Amino acid sequence: NAKKMVYLQMNGLKPEDTAVYYCNARLSGQDMG
C-alpha cells in the first residue's frame, strides 16, 4: 500500500498459463479500472 503496487508471483508456469494478464481495481464491488 505504501508503494501503491500489486504483484502476482507466478511459479511452476505451464503452457496453459499463456495469456495477457490484466490488473483490475474494485471499490465496494464496483469496477473502477
Full PDB file with SEQRES, HELIX, SHEET, SSBOND, CRYST1, ORIGX, SCALE, CONECT and MASTER records, all heavy atoms in Angstrom:
SEQRES   1 A   33  ASN ALA LYS LYS MET VAL TYR LEU GLN MET ASN GLY LEU          
SEQRES   2 A   33  LYS PRO GLU ASP THR ALA VAL TYR TYR CYS ASN ALA ARG          
SEQRES   3 A   33  LEU SER GLY GLN ASP MET GLY                                  
HELIX    1 AA1 PRO A   15  ASP A   17  5                                   3    
SHEET    1 AA1 2 ARG A  26  LEU A  27  0                                        
SHEET    2 AA1 2 GLN A  30  ASP A  31 -1                                        
CRYST1    1.000    1.000    1.000  90.00  90.00  90.00 P 1           1          
ORIGX1      1.000000  0.000000  0.000000        0.00000                         
ORIGX2      0.000000  1.000000  0.000000        0.00000                         
ORIGX3      0.000000  0.000000  1.000000        0.00000                         
SCALE1      1.000000  0.000000  0.000000        0.00000                         
SCALE2      0.000000  1.000000  0.000000        0.00000                         
SCALE3      0.000000  0.000000  1.000000        0.00000                         
ATOM      1  N   ASN A   1       0.811  -1.212   0.000  1.00  0.00           N  
ATOM      2  CA  ASN A   1       0.000   0.000   0.000  1.00  0.00           C  
ATOM      3  C   ASN A   1       0.851   1.271   0.000  1.00  0.00           C  
ATOM      4  O   ASN A   1       0.453   2.286  -0.569  1.00  0.00           O  
ATOM      5  CB  ASN A   1      -0.948  -0.005   1.191  1.00  0.00           C  
ATOM      6  CG  ASN A   1      -2.086  -0.995   1.028  1.00  0.00           C  
ATOM      7  OD1 ASN A   1      -2.383  -1.443  -0.086  1.00  0.00           O  
ATOM      8  ND2 ASN A   1      -2.731  -1.350   2.129  1.00  0.00           N  
ATOM      9  N   ALA A   2       2.008   1.226   0.641  1.00  0.00           N  
ATOM     10  CA  ALA A   2       2.878   2.394   0.666  1.00  0.00           C  
ATOM     11  C   ALA A   2       3.373   2.737  -0.727  1.00  0.00           C  
ATOM     12  O   ALA A   2       3.514   3.910  -1.080  1.00  0.00           O  
ATOM     13  CB  ALA A   2       4.049   2.169   1.611  1.00  0.00           C  
ATOM     14  N   LYS A   3       3.646   1.715  -1.538  1.00  0.00           N  
ATOM     15  CA  LYS A   3       4.119   1.921  -2.906  1.00  0.00           C  
ATOM     16  C   LYS A   3       2.995   1.937  -3.923  1.00  0.00           C  
ATOM     17  O   LYS A   3       3.243   2.203  -5.108  1.00  0.00           O  
ATOM     18  CB  LYS A   3       5.126   0.839  -3.279  1.00  0.00           C  
ATOM     19  CG  LYS A   3       6.399   0.860  -2.459  1.00  0.00           C  
ATOM     20  CD  LYS A   3       7.346  -0.235  -2.911  1.00  0.00           C  
ATOM     21  CE  LYS A   3       8.638  -0.206  -2.132  1.00  0.00           C  
ATOM     22  NZ  LYS A   3       9.564  -1.281  -2.558  1.00  0.00           N  
ATOM     23  N   LYS A   4       1.770   1.643  -3.489  1.00  0.00           N  
ATOM     24  CA  LYS A   4       0.606   1.563  -4.374  1.00  0.00           C  
ATOM     25  C   LYS A   4       0.873   0.580  -5.509  1.00  0.00           C  
ATOM     26  O   LYS A   4       0.689   0.870  -6.693  1.00  0.00           O  
ATOM     27  CB  LYS A   4       0.233   2.950  -4.904  1.00  0.00           C  
ATOM     28  CG  LYS A   4      -0.069   3.937  -3.793  1.00  0.00           C  
ATOM     29  CD  LYS A   4      -0.331   5.345  -4.293  1.00  0.00           C  
ATOM     30  CE  LYS A   4      -1.644   5.471  -4.996  1.00  0.00           C  
ATOM     31  NZ  LYS A   4      -1.957   6.894  -5.324  1.00  0.00           N  
ATOM     32  N   MET A   5       1.308  -0.620  -5.120  1.00  0.00           N  
ATOM     33  CA  MET A   5       1.667  -1.655  -6.071  1.00  0.00           C  
ATOM     34  C   MET A   5       0.941  -2.956  -5.749  1.00  0.00           C  
ATOM     35  O   MET A   5       0.686  -3.267  -4.576  1.00  0.00           O  
ATOM     36  CB  MET A   5       3.170  -1.916  -6.050  1.00  0.00           C  
ATOM     37  CG  MET A   5       4.027  -0.739  -6.489  1.00  0.00           C  
ATOM     38  SD  MET A   5       3.987  -0.510  -8.288  1.00  0.00           S  
ATOM     39  CE  MET A   5       4.928  -1.941  -8.815  1.00  0.00           C  
ATOM     40  N   VAL A   6       0.621  -3.708  -6.788  1.00  0.00           N  
ATOM     41  CA  VAL A   6       0.089  -5.054  -6.678  1.00  0.00           C  
ATOM     42  C   VAL A   6       0.996  -5.976  -7.469  1.00  0.00           C  
ATOM     43  O   VAL A   6       1.460  -5.612  -8.556  1.00  0.00           O  
ATOM     44  CB  VAL A   6      -1.352  -5.152  -7.208  1.00  0.00           C  
ATOM     45  CG1 VAL A   6      -1.888  -6.567  -7.045  1.00  0.00           C  
ATOM     46  CG2 VAL A   6      -2.248  -4.160  -6.493  1.00  0.00           C  
ATOM     47  N   TYR A   7       1.230  -7.171  -6.938  1.00  0.00           N  
ATOM     48  CA  TYR A   7       2.129  -8.120  -7.576  1.00  0.00           C  
ATOM     49  C   TYR A   7       1.438  -9.461  -7.777  1.00  0.00           C  
ATOM     50  O   TYR A   7       0.520  -9.827  -7.052  1.00  0.00           O  
ATOM     51  CB  TYR A   7       3.385  -8.337  -6.731  1.00  0.00           C  
ATOM     52  CG  TYR A   7       4.096  -7.069  -6.360  1.00  0.00           C  
ATOM     53  CD1 TYR A   7       3.900  -6.477  -5.120  1.00  0.00           C  
ATOM     54  CD2 TYR A   7       4.970  -6.457  -7.255  1.00  0.00           C  
ATOM     55  CE1 TYR A   7       4.555  -5.306  -4.774  1.00  0.00           C  
ATOM     56  CE2 TYR A   7       5.622  -5.289  -6.921  1.00  0.00           C  
ATOM     57  CZ  TYR A   7       5.416  -4.715  -5.680  1.00  0.00           C  
ATOM     58  OH  TYR A   7       6.068  -3.551  -5.347  1.00  0.00           O  
ATOM     59  N   LEU A   8       1.909 -10.192  -8.765  1.00  0.00           N  
ATOM     60  CA  LEU A   8       1.496 -11.569  -8.963  1.00  0.00           C  
ATOM     61  C   LEU A   8       2.746 -12.398  -9.204  1.00  0.00           C  
ATOM     62  O   LEU A   8       3.353 -12.318 -10.279  1.00  0.00           O  
ATOM     63  CB  LEU A   8       0.528 -11.709 -10.135  1.00  0.00           C  
ATOM     64  CG  LEU A   8      -0.067 -13.107 -10.326  1.00  0.00           C  
ATOM     65  CD1 LEU A   8      -0.995 -13.457  -9.160  1.00  0.00           C  
ATOM     66  CD2 LEU A   8      -0.813 -13.211 -11.644  1.00  0.00           C  
ATOM     67  N   GLN A   9       3.143 -13.159  -8.195  1.00  0.00           N  
ATOM     68  CA  GLN A   9       4.273 -14.064  -8.323  1.00  0.00           C  
ATOM     69  C   GLN A   9       3.764 -15.368  -8.903  1.00  0.00           C  
ATOM     70  O   GLN A   9       2.895 -16.013  -8.322  1.00  0.00           O  
ATOM     71  CB  GLN A   9       4.929 -14.304  -6.967  1.00  0.00           C  
ATOM     72  CG  GLN A   9       6.102 -15.276  -7.000  1.00  0.00           C  
ATOM     73  CD  GLN A   9       7.272 -14.748  -7.789  1.00  0.00           C  
ATOM     74  OE1 GLN A   9       7.668 -13.599  -7.615  1.00  0.00           O  
ATOM     75  NE2 GLN A   9       7.832 -15.570  -8.660  1.00  0.00           N  
ATOM     76  N   MET A  10       4.305 -15.763 -10.040  1.00  0.00           N  
ATOM     77  CA  MET A  10       3.856 -16.949 -10.752  1.00  0.00           C  
ATOM     78  C   MET A  10       4.998 -17.950 -10.799  1.00  0.00           C  
ATOM     79  O   MET A  10       6.031 -17.692 -11.412  1.00  0.00           O  
ATOM     80  CB  MET A  10       3.393 -16.593 -12.163  1.00  0.00           C  
ATOM     81  CG  MET A  10       2.320 -15.515 -12.202  1.00  0.00           C  
ATOM     82  SD  MET A  10       1.690 -15.206 -13.875  1.00  0.00           S  
ATOM     83  CE  MET A  10       3.179 -14.583 -14.656  1.00  0.00           C  
ATOM     84  N   ASN A  11       4.801 -19.090 -10.153  1.00  0.00           N  
ATOM     85  CA  ASN A  11       5.780 -20.161 -10.132  1.00  0.00           C  
ATOM     86  C   ASN A  11       5.205 -21.400 -10.800  1.00  0.00           C  
ATOM     87  O   ASN A  11       3.995 -21.551 -10.922  1.00  0.00           O  
ATOM     88  CB  ASN A  11       6.187 -20.492  -8.696  1.00  0.00           C  
ATOM     89  CG  ASN A  11       6.806 -19.328  -7.968  1.00  0.00           C  
ATOM     90  OD1 ASN A  11       7.517 -18.515  -8.564  1.00  0.00           O  
ATOM     91  ND2 ASN A  11       6.554 -19.229  -6.670  1.00  0.00           N  
ATOM     92  N   GLY A  12       6.088 -22.296 -11.195  1.00  0.00           N  
ATOM     93  CA  GLY A  12       5.644 -23.528 -11.830  1.00  0.00           C  
ATOM     94  C   GLY A  12       4.764 -23.286 -13.040  1.00  0.00           C  
ATOM     95  O   GLY A  12       3.741 -23.954 -13.215  1.00  0.00           O  
ATOM     96  N   LEU A  13       5.164 -22.348 -13.874  1.00  0.00           N  
ATOM     97  CA  LEU A  13       4.333 -21.951 -15.008  1.00  0.00           C  
ATOM     98  C   LEU A  13       4.141 -23.086 -15.998  1.00  0.00           C  
ATOM     99  O   LEU A  13       5.054 -23.881 -16.241  1.00  0.00           O  
ATOM    100  CB  LEU A  13       4.932 -20.735 -15.693  1.00  0.00           C  
ATOM    101  CG  LEU A  13       4.718 -19.424 -14.935  1.00  0.00           C  
ATOM    102  CD1 LEU A  13       5.670 -18.348 -15.431  1.00  0.00           C  
ATOM    103  CD2 LEU A  13       3.272 -18.969 -15.088  1.00  0.00           C  
ATOM    104  N   LYS A  14       2.947 -23.130 -16.558  1.00  0.00           N  
ATOM    105  CA  LYS A  14       2.557 -24.148 -17.520  1.00  0.00           C  
ATOM    106  C   LYS A  14       2.173 -23.482 -18.835  1.00  0.00           C  
ATOM    107  O   LYS A  14       1.788 -22.314 -18.847  1.00  0.00           O  
ATOM    108  CB  LYS A  14       1.362 -24.953 -16.995  1.00  0.00           C  
ATOM    109  CG  LYS A  14       1.572 -25.587 -15.633  1.00  0.00           C  
ATOM    110  CD  LYS A  14       0.294 -26.241 -15.136  1.00  0.00           C  
ATOM    111  CE  LYS A  14       0.486 -26.862 -13.775  1.00  0.00           C  
ATOM    112  NZ  LYS A  14      -0.774 -27.488 -13.283  1.00  0.00           N  
ATOM    113  N   PRO A  15       2.251 -24.208 -19.949  1.00  0.00           N  
ATOM    114  CA  PRO A  15       1.837 -23.614 -21.225  1.00  0.00           C  
ATOM    115  C   PRO A  15       0.423 -23.050 -21.189  1.00  0.00           C  
ATOM    116  O   PRO A  15       0.155 -22.028 -21.835  1.00  0.00           O  
ATOM    117  CB  PRO A  15       1.950 -24.788 -22.207  1.00  0.00           C  
ATOM    118  CG  PRO A  15       3.042 -25.627 -21.633  1.00  0.00           C  
ATOM    119  CD  PRO A  15       2.852 -25.541 -20.139  1.00  0.00           C  
ATOM    120  N   GLU A  16      -0.479 -23.673 -20.436  1.00  0.00           N  
ATOM    121  CA  GLU A  16      -1.841 -23.188 -20.352  1.00  0.00           C  
ATOM    122  C   GLU A  16      -1.974 -21.881 -19.584  1.00  0.00           C  
ATOM    123  O   GLU A  16      -3.053 -21.284 -19.550  1.00  0.00           O  
ATOM    124  CB  GLU A  16      -2.770 -24.247 -19.743  1.00  0.00           C  
ATOM    125  CG  GLU A  16      -2.257 -24.830 -18.442  1.00  0.00           C  
ATOM    126  CD  GLU A  16      -1.542 -26.159 -18.628  1.00  0.00           C  
ATOM    127  OE1 GLU A  16      -0.704 -26.253 -19.564  1.00  0.00           O  
ATOM    128  OE2 GLU A  16      -1.814 -27.101 -17.860  1.00  0.00           O  
ATOM    129  N   ASP A  17      -0.896 -21.420 -18.951  1.00  0.00           N  
ATOM    130  CA  ASP A  17      -0.892 -20.112 -18.314  1.00  0.00           C  
ATOM    131  C   ASP A  17      -0.650 -18.987 -19.308  1.00  0.00           C  
ATOM    132  O   ASP A  17      -0.756 -17.810 -18.941  1.00  0.00           O  
ATOM    133  CB  ASP A  17       0.176 -20.041 -17.222  1.00  0.00           C  
ATOM    134  CG  ASP A  17      -0.105 -20.978 -16.064  1.00  0.00           C  
ATOM    135  OD1 ASP A  17      -1.277 -21.085 -15.651  1.00  0.00           O  
ATOM    136  OD2 ASP A  17       0.858 -21.596 -15.565  1.00  0.00           O  
ATOM    137  N   THR A  18      -0.302 -19.327 -20.537  1.00  0.00           N  
ATOM    138  CA  THR A  18      -0.051 -18.319 -21.558  1.00  0.00           C  
ATOM    139  C   THR A  18      -1.297 -17.469 -21.773  1.00  0.00           C  
ATOM    140  O   THR A  18      -2.376 -17.987 -22.063  1.00  0.00           O  
ATOM    141  CB  THR A  18       0.374 -18.977 -22.874  1.00  0.00           C  
ATOM    142  OG1 THR A  18       1.628 -19.646 -22.689  1.00  0.00           O  
ATOM    143  CG2 THR A  18       0.527 -17.941 -23.973  1.00  0.00           C  
ATOM    144  N   ALA A  19      -1.148 -16.163 -21.626  1.00  0.00           N  
ATOM    145  CA  ALA A  19      -2.277 -15.245 -21.741  1.00  0.00           C  
ATOM    146  C   ALA A  19      -1.776 -13.821 -21.576  1.00  0.00           C  
ATOM    147  O   ALA A  19      -0.631 -13.587 -21.177  1.00  0.00           O  
ATOM    148  CB  ALA A  19      -3.339 -15.543 -20.678  1.00  0.00           C  
ATOM    149  N   VAL A  20      -2.659 -12.879 -21.865  1.00  0.00           N  
ATOM    150  CA  VAL A  20      -2.435 -11.497 -21.476  1.00  0.00           C  
ATOM    151  C   VAL A  20      -3.019 -11.324 -20.082  1.00  0.00           C  
ATOM    152  O   VAL A  20      -4.183 -11.654 -19.844  1.00  0.00           O  
ATOM    153  CB  VAL A  20      -3.082 -10.504 -22.455  1.00  0.00           C  
ATOM    154  CG1 VAL A  20      -2.875  -9.069 -21.981  1.00  0.00           C  
ATOM    155  CG2 VAL A  20      -2.503 -10.686 -23.851  1.00  0.00           C  
ATOM    156  N   TYR A  21      -2.214 -10.814 -19.171  1.00  0.00           N  
ATOM    157  CA  TYR A  21      -2.628 -10.647 -17.781  1.00  0.00           C  
ATOM    158  C   TYR A  21      -2.965  -9.189 -17.514  1.00  0.00           C  
ATOM    159  O   TYR A  21      -2.196  -8.288 -17.865  1.00  0.00           O  
ATOM    160  CB  TYR A  21      -1.529 -11.125 -16.836  1.00  0.00           C  
ATOM    161  CG  TYR A  21      -1.444 -12.629 -16.745  1.00  0.00           C  
ATOM    162  CD1 TYR A  21      -0.964 -13.378 -17.816  1.00  0.00           C  
ATOM    163  CD2 TYR A  21      -1.873 -13.306 -15.605  1.00  0.00           C  
ATOM    164  CE1 TYR A  21      -0.912 -14.761 -17.751  1.00  0.00           C  
ATOM    165  CE2 TYR A  21      -1.817 -14.688 -15.523  1.00  0.00           C  
ATOM    166  CZ  TYR A  21      -1.338 -15.406 -16.606  1.00  0.00           C  
ATOM    167  OH  TYR A  21      -1.281 -16.783 -16.528  1.00  0.00           O  
ATOM    168  N   TYR A  22      -4.114  -8.968 -16.853  1.00  0.00           N  
ATOM    169  CA  TYR A  22      -4.630  -7.630 -16.604  1.00  0.00           C  
ATOM    170  C   TYR A  22      -4.802  -7.373 -15.114  1.00  0.00           C  
ATOM    171  O   TYR A  22      -5.281  -8.234 -14.377  1.00  0.00           O  
ATOM    172  CB  TYR A  22      -5.992  -7.437 -17.274  1.00  0.00           C  
ATOM    173  CG  TYR A  22      -5.985  -7.565 -18.775  1.00  0.00           C  
ATOM    174  CD1 TYR A  22      -6.207  -8.788 -19.387  1.00  0.00           C  
ATOM    175  CD2 TYR A  22      -5.766  -6.451 -19.580  1.00  0.00           C  
ATOM    176  CE1 TYR A  22      -6.209  -8.906 -20.763  1.00  0.00           C  
ATOM    177  CE2 TYR A  22      -5.773  -6.561 -20.957  1.00  0.00           C  
ATOM    178  CZ  TYR A  22      -5.994  -7.792 -21.544  1.00  0.00           C  
ATOM    179  OH  TYR A  22      -6.000  -7.906 -22.908  1.00  0.00           O  
ATOM    180  N   CYS A  23      -4.459  -6.184 -14.696  1.00  0.00           N  
ATOM    181  CA  CYS A  23      -4.686  -5.716 -13.337  1.00  0.00           C  
ATOM    182  C   CYS A  23      -6.023  -4.987 -13.280  1.00  0.00           C  
ATOM    183  O   CYS A  23      -6.369  -4.234 -14.198  1.00  0.00           O  
ATOM    184  CB  CYS A  23      -3.550  -4.781 -12.925  1.00  0.00           C  
ATOM    185  SG  CYS A  23      -3.612  -4.177 -11.237  1.00  0.00           S  
ATOM    186  N   ASN A  24      -6.784  -5.208 -12.210  1.00  0.00           N  
ATOM    187  CA  ASN A  24      -8.116  -4.635 -12.066  1.00  0.00           C  
ATOM    188  C   ASN A  24      -8.320  -4.101 -10.658  1.00  0.00           C  
ATOM    189  O   ASN A  24      -7.886  -4.726  -9.687  1.00  0.00           O  
ATOM    190  CB  ASN A  24      -9.173  -5.701 -12.390  1.00  0.00           C  
ATOM    191  CG  ASN A  24     -10.561  -5.323 -11.928  1.00  0.00           C  
ATOM    192  OD1 ASN A  24     -11.058  -5.861 -10.932  1.00  0.00           O  
ATOM    193  ND2 ASN A  24     -11.197  -4.416 -12.638  1.00  0.00           N  
ATOM    194  N   ALA A  25      -8.986  -2.957 -10.551  1.00  0.00           N  
ATOM    195  CA  ALA A  25      -9.298  -2.344  -9.265  1.00  0.00           C  
ATOM    196  C   ALA A  25     -10.804  -2.291  -9.059  1.00  0.00           C  
ATOM    197  O   ALA A  25     -11.556  -1.962  -9.983  1.00  0.00           O  
ATOM    198  CB  ALA A  25      -8.715  -0.934  -9.184  1.00  0.00           C  
ATOM    199  N   ARG A  26     -11.241  -2.601  -7.838  1.00  0.00           N  
ATOM    200  CA  ARG A  26     -12.655  -2.554  -7.492  1.00  0.00           C  
ATOM    201  C   ARG A  26     -12.831  -1.834  -6.164  1.00  0.00           C  
ATOM    202  O   ARG A  26     -11.991  -1.937  -5.269  1.00  0.00           O  
ATOM    203  CB  ARG A  26     -13.248  -3.964  -7.410  1.00  0.00           C  
ATOM    204  CG  ARG A  26     -13.189  -4.736  -8.717  1.00  0.00           C  
ATOM    205  CD  ARG A  26     -13.888  -6.088  -8.593  1.00  0.00           C  
ATOM    206  NE  ARG A  26     -15.332  -5.949  -8.486  1.00  0.00           N  
ATOM    207  CZ  ARG A  26     -16.164  -5.815  -9.516  1.00  0.00           C  
ATOM    208  NH1 ARG A  26     -15.685  -5.803 -10.744  1.00  0.00           N  
ATOM    209  NH2 ARG A  26     -17.464  -5.708  -9.309  1.00  0.00           N  
ATOM    210  N   LEU A  27     -13.943  -1.113  -6.056  1.00  0.00           N  
ATOM    211  CA  LEU A  27     -14.283  -0.389  -4.843  1.00  0.00           C  
ATOM    212  C   LEU A  27     -15.747  -0.650  -4.524  1.00  0.00           C  
ATOM    213  O   LEU A  27     -16.625  -0.335  -5.320  1.00  0.00           O  
ATOM    214  CB  LEU A  27     -14.029   1.108  -5.012  1.00  0.00           C  
ATOM    215  CG  LEU A  27     -14.313   1.986  -3.796  1.00  0.00           C  
ATOM    216  CD1 LEU A  27     -13.390   1.622  -2.644  1.00  0.00           C  
ATOM    217  CD2 LEU A  27     -14.165   3.455  -4.159  1.00  0.00           C  
ATOM    218  N   SER A  28     -15.993  -1.242  -3.369  1.00  0.00           N  
ATOM    219  CA  SER A  28     -17.357  -1.584  -2.947  1.00  0.00           C  
ATOM    220  C   SER A  28     -18.088  -2.383  -4.016  1.00  0.00           C  
ATOM    221  O   SER A  28     -19.267  -2.151  -4.290  1.00  0.00           O  
ATOM    222  CB  SER A  28     -18.130  -0.313  -2.593  1.00  0.00           C  
ATOM    223  OG  SER A  28     -17.524   0.369  -1.524  1.00  0.00           O  
ATOM    224  N   GLY A  29     -17.382  -3.326  -4.640  1.00  0.00           N  
ATOM    225  CA  GLY A  29     -17.971  -4.184  -5.641  1.00  0.00           C  
ATOM    226  C   GLY A  29     -18.090  -3.578  -7.024  1.00  0.00           C  
ATOM    227  O   GLY A  29     -18.548  -4.258  -7.949  1.00  0.00           O  
ATOM    228  N   GLN A  30     -17.685  -2.340  -7.192  1.00  0.00           N  
ATOM    229  CA  GLN A  30     -17.789  -1.649  -8.470  1.00  0.00           C  
ATOM    230  C   GLN A  30     -16.454  -1.647  -9.200  1.00  0.00           C  
ATOM    231  O   GLN A  30     -15.427  -1.312  -8.612  1.00  0.00           O  
ATOM    232  CB  GLN A  30     -18.264  -0.213  -8.247  1.00  0.00           C  
ATOM    233  CG  GLN A  30     -18.427   0.601  -9.516  1.00  0.00           C  
ATOM    234  CD  GLN A  30     -18.899   2.010  -9.237  1.00  0.00           C  
ATOM    235  OE1 GLN A  30     -19.258   2.347  -8.114  1.00  0.00           O  
ATOM    236  NE2 GLN A  30     -18.903   2.848 -10.259  1.00  0.00           N  
ATOM    237  N   ASP A  31     -16.482  -2.013 -10.469  1.00  0.00           N  
ATOM    238  CA  ASP A  31     -15.284  -1.971 -11.293  1.00  0.00           C  
ATOM    239  C   ASP A  31     -14.824  -0.533 -11.471  1.00  0.00           C  
ATOM    240  O   ASP A  31     -15.606   0.329 -11.879  1.00  0.00           O  
ATOM    241  CB  ASP A  31     -15.556  -2.609 -12.649  1.00  0.00           C  
ATOM    242  CG  ASP A  31     -14.381  -2.487 -13.590  1.00  0.00           C  
ATOM    243  OD1 ASP A  31     -13.237  -2.713 -13.149  1.00  0.00           O  
ATOM    244  OD2 ASP A  31     -14.595  -2.167 -14.782  1.00  0.00           O  
ATOM    245  N   MET A  32     -13.545  -0.284 -11.176  1.00  0.00           N  
ATOM    246  CA  MET A  32     -13.035   1.074 -11.227  1.00  0.00           C  
ATOM    247  C   MET A  32     -11.945   1.293 -12.265  1.00  0.00           C  
ATOM    248  O   MET A  32     -11.617   2.439 -12.581  1.00  0.00           O  
ATOM    249  CB  MET A  32     -12.515   1.494  -9.850  1.00  0.00           C  
ATOM    250  CG  MET A  32     -13.569   1.490  -8.756  1.00  0.00           C  
ATOM    251  SD  MET A  32     -14.941   2.630  -9.091  1.00  0.00           S  
ATOM    252  CE  MET A  32     -14.097   4.205  -8.980  1.00  0.00           C  
ATOM    253  N   GLY A  33     -11.360   0.228 -12.786  1.00  0.00           N  
ATOM    254  CA  GLY A  33     -10.332   0.426 -13.787  1.00  0.00           C  
ATOM    255  C   GLY A  33      -9.558  -0.832 -14.112  1.00  0.00           C  
ATOM    256  O   GLY A  33      -9.561  -1.800 -13.350  1.00  0.00           O  
TER     257      GLY A  33                                                      
MASTER        0    0    0    1    2    0    0    6  256    1    0    3          
END                                                                             
